[in-house]
Amino acid sequence: MLTGHFTYDRDWDTIYDMIEKAESKRNKHLTTLQSEVLSRKEKIHHIRQIKGLEGVVKALRWSMGDKDIASPLQ
């Protein structure tokens, strides 16, 4: 068990700011992917970043109690 491992010192504003930053980064990767001529390796990089950031956003929204997200694992 992880008792004592967590600080619980984050407030809603901090989590919401993190969501906004993650969405912004995701959007930058998506824009780059759609608007530029990229090599296969560069495309894969941006797609991986987009998918990872989607997971971050979903997990943060779930932790804030977003009613549209039943589980961040789905």
Protein backbone atom coordinates (compact mmCIF):
# COMPACT_ATOMS: atom_id res chain seq x y z
CA MET A 1 0.00 0.00 0.00
CA LEU A 2 1.15 3.56 -0.66
CA THR A 3 0.17 5.05 2.70
CA GLY A 4 2.15 8.20 3.33
CA HIS A 5 3.30 8.41 -0.28
CA PHE A 6 0.78 11.06 -1.37
CA THR A 7 0.75 14.67 -0.17
CA TYR A 8 -2.79 15.67 -1.21
CA ASP A 9 -1.67 19.29 -1.42
CA ARG A 10 -3.02 20.05 -4.89
CA ASP A 11 -6.06 22.23 -5.22
CA TRP A 12 -8.65 22.27 -7.99
CA ASP A 13 -7.05 25.28 -9.69
CA THR A 14 -3.68 23.51 -9.92
CA ILE A 15 -5.28 20.44 -11.49
CA TYR A 16 -7.36 22.56 -13.87
CA ASP A 17 -4.23 24.47 -14.95
CA MET A 18 -2.53 21.15 -15.65
CA ILE A 19 -5.48 20.09 -17.80
CA GLU A 20 -5.24 23.32 -19.81
CA LYS A 21 -1.49 22.88 -20.31
CA ALA A 22 -1.90 19.27 -21.43
CA GLU A 23 -4.69 20.22 -23.85
CA SER A 24 -2.57 23.04 -25.24
CA LYS A 25 0.40 20.73 -25.81
CA ARG A 26 -1.89 18.13 -27.42
CA ASN A 27 -3.35 20.77 -29.73
CA LYS A 28 0.14 21.95 -30.77
CA HIS A 29 1.12 18.40 -31.72
CA LEU A 30 -2.17 17.93 -33.58
CA THR A 31 -1.73 21.19 -35.48
CA THR A 32 1.83 20.28 -36.41
CA LEU A 33 0.73 16.83 -37.53
CA GLN A 34 -2.02 18.25 -39.74
CA SER A 35 -0.31 21.30 -41.19
CA GLU A 36 3.24 20.28 -42.00
CA VAL A 37 4.94 17.82 -44.30
CA LEU A 38 6.59 15.38 -41.91
CA SER A 39 8.67 12.26 -42.16
CA ARG A 40 7.18 8.99 -40.97
CA LYS A 41 9.31 9.18 -37.81
CA GLU A 42 8.08 12.72 -37.04
CA LYS A 43 4.46 11.70 -37.61
CA ILE A 44 4.83 8.77 -35.22
CA HIS A 45 6.34 11.09 -32.61
CA HIS A 46 3.43 13.54 -32.79
CA ILE A 47 0.80 10.78 -32.78
CA ARG A 48 2.37 9.23 -29.67
CA GLN A 49 2.45 12.59 -27.94
CA ILE A 50 -1.19 13.25 -28.84
CA LYS A 51 -2.33 9.86 -27.51
CA GLY A 52 -0.31 10.22 -24.31
CA LEU A 53 -1.66 13.69 -23.63
CA GLU A 54 -5.21 12.49 -24.30
CA GLY A 55 -4.67 9.99 -21.48
CA VAL A 56 -3.31 12.70 -19.19
CA VAL A 57 -6.30 14.95 -19.84
CA LYS A 58 -8.75 12.11 -19.32
CA ALA A 59 -7.13 11.04 -16.03
CA LEU A 60 -7.04 14.61 -14.70
CA ARG A 61 -10.64 15.25 -15.69
CA TRP A 62 -11.67 11.98 -14.02
CA SER A 63 -9.82 12.97 -10.84
CA MET A 64 -11.80 16.23 -10.78
CA GLY A 65 -15.06 14.30 -11.09
CA ASP A 66 -15.95 15.00 -14.73
CA LYS A 67 -19.35 13.34 -15.22
CA ASP A 68 -18.53 12.45 -18.83
CA ILE A 69 -15.60 10.22 -17.84
CA ALA A 70 -16.58 7.02 -16.07
CA SER A 71 -13.03 5.68 -16.01
CA PRO A 72 -9.71 7.02 -17.33
CA LEU A 73 -8.84 3.46 -18.35
CA GLN A 74 -11.42 3.19 -21.10
